[in-house]
Protein backbone atom coordinates (compact mmCIF):
# COMPACT_ATOMS: atom_id res chain seq x y z
CA MET A 1 92.79 80.26 67.10
CA TYR A 2 95.76 79.10 69.34
CA VAL A 3 95.87 76.15 71.63
CA ASP A 4 97.91 75.91 74.64
CA SER A 5 99.18 72.50 74.65
CA HIS A 6 100.50 72.58 78.52
CA CYS A 7 99.66 74.16 81.50
CA HIS A 8 98.54 73.74 85.18
CA LEU A 9 95.43 75.61 85.75
CA ASP A 10 94.87 73.37 88.85
CA PHE A 11 97.72 75.03 90.71
CA PRO A 12 96.11 77.39 93.17
CA GLU A 13 97.86 80.49 91.77
CA LEU A 14 95.73 79.67 88.98
CA SER A 15 92.59 77.96 89.98
CA ALA A 16 91.81 81.02 92.32
CA ARG A 17 91.58 83.16 89.14
CA LEU A 18 90.02 80.69 86.82
CA GLU A 19 87.13 82.65 85.33
CA GLU A 20 89.46 85.70 84.70
CA ILE A 21 91.78 83.44 83.24
CA LEU A 22 89.59 81.76 80.90
CA ALA A 23 88.22 85.01 79.90
CA ARG A 24 91.60 86.31 78.83
CA MET A 25 91.91 83.15 76.90
CA ARG A 26 89.02 83.89 74.86
CA GLU A 27 90.36 87.59 74.61
CA ASN A 28 93.62 86.31 72.90
CA ARG A 29 91.83 83.72 70.81
CA VAL A 30 93.29 80.78 72.69
CA ASP A 31 90.10 78.44 72.44
CA ARG A 32 91.81 75.15 73.82
CA ALA A 33 94.13 74.30 76.60
CA LEU A 34 95.54 70.94 77.88
CA CYS A 35 95.73 70.95 81.92
CA VAL A 36 98.49 68.45 82.81
CA ALA A 37 98.60 66.51 85.93
CA VAL A 38 101.66 66.47 87.97
CA THR A 39 100.75 63.71 90.57
CA LEU A 40 97.81 61.22 91.33
CA GLU A 41 96.85 63.31 94.37
CA ASP A 42 96.10 66.29 92.24
CA PHE A 43 94.90 64.39 89.26
CA PRO A 44 90.82 64.88 90.50
CA ARG A 45 91.47 68.51 90.48
CA VAL A 46 92.78 68.35 87.12
CA LEU A 47 89.98 66.28 85.56
CA ALA A 48 87.44 68.14 87.51
CA LEU A 49 88.60 71.34 85.44
CA ALA A 50 88.21 69.68 82.17
CA GLU A 51 84.71 68.07 82.85
CA ALA A 52 83.57 71.63 84.05
CA HIS A 53 84.95 73.50 81.02
CA PRO A 54 84.54 72.30 77.30
CA GLU A 55 87.55 74.08 76.39
CA LEU A 56 89.96 72.34 78.77
CA TYR A 57 91.43 68.65 78.42
CA ALA A 58 93.29 66.75 81.04
CA SER A 59 96.29 64.48 81.48
CA VAL A 60 97.05 61.95 84.12
CA GLY A 61 100.66 61.21 85.39
CA VAL A 62 103.17 61.81 87.83
CA HIS A 63 106.03 64.25 87.15
CA PRO A 64 109.81 63.25 87.97
CA ASP A 65 110.16 66.20 90.44
CA TYR A 66 107.82 64.59 92.82
CA PRO A 67 109.54 61.58 94.94
CA ASP A 68 107.20 61.75 97.82
CA CYS A 69 103.78 60.91 96.20
CA ILE A 70 101.53 58.01 95.44
CA GLU A 71 103.49 56.00 93.10
CA PRO A 72 101.47 54.94 89.82
CA ASP A 73 101.35 51.81 88.24
CA VAL A 74 100.37 50.84 84.70
CA ASP A 75 97.00 49.55 85.72
CA THR A 76 96.00 52.65 87.47
CA LEU A 77 97.06 54.97 84.82
CA ILE A 78 95.11 52.93 82.39
CA ARG A 79 91.91 53.21 84.55
CA LEU A 80 92.33 56.83 84.87
CA ALA A 81 93.14 57.47 81.36
CA ALA A 82 89.80 55.86 80.20
CA HIS A 83 88.02 59.19 80.93
CA PRO A 84 87.21 60.92 77.45
CA LYS A 85 88.52 64.14 78.54
CA VAL A 86 91.94 62.55 79.51
CA ILE A 87 93.92 62.86 76.23
CA ALA A 88 97.55 62.12 77.32
CA ILE A 89 99.83 60.14 79.87
CA GLY A 90 102.10 62.56 81.89
CA GLU A 91 103.66 64.69 82.89
CA THR A 92 106.38 62.00 82.80
CA GLY A 93 110.22 61.72 81.95
CA LEU A 94 113.41 62.23 83.67
CA ASP A 95 114.94 65.39 85.45
CA TYR A 96 118.48 65.19 86.93
CA PHE A 97 118.94 68.75 87.17
CA ARG A 98 119.14 68.64 91.09
CA THR A 99 120.62 65.29 91.44
CA GLU A 100 123.10 64.77 93.87
CA GLY A 101 125.75 62.12 93.05
CA ASP A 102 125.61 59.71 90.35
CA PRO A 103 122.23 59.74 88.57
CA ALA A 104 122.54 56.16 87.40
CA GLN A 105 122.14 55.36 91.23
CA ALA A 106 120.10 58.26 92.50
CA CYS A 107 117.65 58.51 89.73
CA ALA A 108 116.74 54.83 89.33
CA TRP A 109 113.23 55.13 90.48
CA GLN A 110 112.80 58.02 87.93
CA ARG A 111 113.49 55.80 85.27
CA ASP A 112 111.37 53.00 86.46
CA ARG A 113 108.33 55.47 86.98
CA PHE A 114 108.98 56.82 83.37
CA ARG A 115 108.91 53.20 81.92
CA VAL A 116 105.68 52.81 83.73
CA HIS A 117 104.02 55.67 81.93
CA ILE A 118 105.27 54.56 78.61
CA ARG A 119 103.73 51.04 79.10
CA ALA A 120 100.47 52.61 80.03
CA ALA A 121 100.60 55.05 76.85
CA ARG A 122 101.03 52.05 74.90
CA ALA A 123 98.30 50.18 76.56
CA THR A 124 95.81 52.99 76.19
CA GLY A 125 96.96 54.31 72.75
CA LYS A 126 97.19 57.85 74.31
CA PRO A 127 100.36 60.08 73.73
CA LEU A 128 103.05 60.89 76.19
CA ILE A 129 103.77 64.48 77.58
CA VAL A 130 107.63 64.14 78.19
CA HIS A 131 109.62 66.38 80.71
CA THR A 132 113.40 66.08 80.33
CA ARG A 133 115.94 68.07 82.20
CA SER A 134 119.58 67.20 82.40
CA ALA A 135 118.65 63.62 81.25
CA SER A 136 118.27 63.75 77.20
CA ASP A 137 120.49 60.81 76.79
CA ASP A 138 118.56 58.51 79.10
CA THR A 139 115.14 60.00 78.04
CA VAL A 140 115.90 59.27 74.51
CA ALA A 141 117.14 55.59 75.25
CA ILE A 142 114.26 54.71 77.43
CA LEU A 143 111.69 56.21 74.87
CA ARG A 144 113.34 53.80 72.10
CA GLU A 145 113.71 50.83 74.62
CA GLU A 146 109.95 50.88 75.66
CA GLY A 147 108.75 51.41 72.20
CA ALA A 148 107.27 54.88 72.70
CA ASP A 149 107.42 55.24 68.81
CA ALA A 150 104.32 53.35 68.88
CA VAL A 151 101.98 56.21 70.45
CA GLY A 152 104.42 59.21 70.13
CA GLY A 153 103.73 62.35 72.11
CA VAL A 154 105.17 65.67 72.85
CA MET A 155 108.59 66.77 74.05
CA HIS A 156 107.29 69.45 76.32
CA CYS A 157 108.81 72.84 77.08
CA PHE A 158 111.71 72.01 74.78
CA THR A 159 115.04 73.35 75.57
CA GLU A 160 117.48 70.76 74.18
CA THR A 161 119.82 70.66 71.29
CA TRP A 162 118.77 69.90 67.54
CA GLU A 163 120.20 66.31 68.08
CA VAL A 164 117.69 65.63 70.74
CA ALA A 165 114.98 67.26 68.71
CA ARG A 166 115.81 65.08 65.85
CA ALA A 167 116.00 62.14 67.94
CA ALA A 168 112.51 62.72 69.35
CA LEU A 169 111.02 63.57 65.78
CA ASP A 170 112.40 60.17 64.51
CA LEU A 171 110.41 58.52 67.47
CA GLY A 172 107.04 60.46 66.14
CA PHE A 173 107.24 63.05 68.82
CA TYR A 174 106.16 66.70 68.43
CA ILE A 175 108.16 69.48 69.80
CA SER A 176 106.55 71.79 72.13
CA LEU A 177 107.96 75.32 72.77
CA SER A 178 107.29 77.58 75.63
CA GLY A 179 107.80 81.20 76.25
CA ILE A 180 111.43 80.52 76.86
CA VAL A 181 112.00 80.84 73.02
CA THR A 182 111.30 84.44 73.47
CA PHE A 183 114.00 85.50 76.01
CA ARG A 184 117.05 87.21 75.07
CA ASN A 185 119.43 84.47 75.98
CA ALA A 186 117.69 81.75 74.22
CA GLU A 187 119.32 81.99 70.59
CA ALA A 188 120.40 78.47 70.67
CA LEU A 189 116.84 77.40 71.34
CA ARG A 190 115.69 79.67 68.52
CA GLU A 191 118.00 77.90 66.05
CA VAL A 192 116.24 74.80 66.88
CA ALA A 193 112.94 76.16 66.80
CA ARG A 194 113.79 77.31 63.00
CA ARG A 195 114.74 73.63 62.24
CA VAL A 196 111.56 71.80 63.59
CA PRO A 197 109.40 70.64 60.64
CA MET A 198 106.05 72.83 60.61
CA ASP A 199 103.85 69.94 61.13
CA ARG A 200 105.58 68.78 64.20
CA LEU A 201 105.56 71.98 66.25
CA LEU A 202 103.49 72.64 69.15
CA ILE A 203 103.19 75.83 71.42
CA GLU A 204 102.49 76.01 75.16
CA THR A 205 102.79 78.22 78.14
CA ASP A 206 103.80 75.72 81.14
CA SER A 207 102.03 78.44 83.26
CA PRO A 208 101.98 79.70 85.85
CA TYR A 209 105.83 79.40 84.74
CA LEU A 210 107.98 81.07 82.06
CA ALA A 211 105.68 83.81 80.95
CA PRO A 212 106.93 85.11 77.35
CA VAL A 213 108.07 88.42 76.48
CA PRO A 214 106.21 90.97 76.98
CA HIS A 215 104.93 89.50 80.27
CA ARG A 216 108.18 88.00 81.62
CA GLY A 217 108.61 88.01 85.24
CA ARG A 218 104.77 87.83 85.78
CA MET A 219 102.74 84.96 86.40
CA ASN A 220 102.12 83.08 83.12
CA GLU A 221 98.49 82.14 82.00
CA PRO A 222 97.26 80.37 78.86
CA GLY A 223 95.95 83.19 77.09
CA TRP A 224 99.55 84.45 76.66
CA VAL A 225 100.44 81.28 74.36
CA ARG A 226 99.82 83.72 71.64
CA HIS A 227 102.75 85.74 72.26
CA VAL A 228 104.82 82.57 71.82
CA GLY A 229 102.99 81.83 68.66
CA GLU A 230 103.36 85.46 67.16
CA PHE A 231 107.28 85.23 67.97
CA LEU A 232 107.51 81.80 66.28
CA ALA A 233 105.73 82.96 63.32
CA THR A 234 107.97 86.01 62.98
CA LEU A 235 111.27 83.77 63.63
CA ARG A 236 110.18 81.49 60.82
CA GLY A 237 108.71 84.19 58.37
CA LEU A 238 105.19 83.36 58.57
CA GLU A 239 102.12 85.11 59.10
CA PRO A 240 100.54 84.73 62.51
CA GLU A 241 97.26 83.32 61.30
CA PRO A 242 98.49 80.57 59.18
CA PHE A 243 101.07 79.55 61.99
CA ALA A 244 98.19 79.49 64.62
CA ALA A 245 96.03 77.36 62.24
CA ALA A 246 99.08 74.93 61.78
CA THR A 247 99.99 74.50 65.42
CA THR A 248 96.10 73.94 66.53
CA ASP A 249 96.04 71.24 63.71
CA ASN A 250 99.13 69.91 65.12
CA PHE A 251 97.53 69.59 68.70
CA TYR A 252 94.50 67.79 67.44
CA ARG A 253 96.77 65.43 65.39
CA CYS A 254 99.30 64.68 68.18
CA PHE A 255 96.45 64.18 71.07
CA LYS A 256 93.79 62.44 68.51
CA GLN A 257 91.08 64.75 69.32
CA LEU A 258 88.40 65.84 67.15
CA ARG A 259 87.13 69.33 67.12
CA ASP A 260 83.66 69.82 68.82
């Protein structure tokens, strides 16, 4: 069985087809998925999905791509993370990709928000879901400064270098790979994927985005994490079944969830 460690089933393009999507998860032997929050405004929808469906979990956090939303504070994140179906803090992190001017000035608010999430994670003991884009040096530096190694977590939809992966692994983080690794132009990422220790590797869809080959260009969904898993198993010279079992075990270990 596979687990999709990162998806956005509350987004309208997926929530409108939820029963179909859950059925396709079962068809593809994907028995769990983590629905990741991107704003506090949307968190109730994410939590409702997790409460209504035993195969779904939730996270709570505010994505760095959302400047105009309710700003999180440590106490709020701690309170919302107390729900038993909330297994992680995030999606949080840094994204300088669309920044105009000097990120040191333009993105100070992102760094402050990131620190809030790390402090909440440490207070709750729940792992972090980290997004980083065009900001890997600052991301790693803040994780170190805030003691994120006390809780660990996952570097989601990883597209960085081996040096960044190594730094994250040293902090106790898992590396999660999405459909990007199946893309024709992703050889550099595939080289990283070959080097990540098997016991620190996760797979995800980040749906509705980044559908893997053979569905590239279509709307993504959790059932298609199987294609990411099968691709990586072949890349690493493994059979699909033991690879699926290993990444599923990694998910439960990372997010400290017992199988039910």
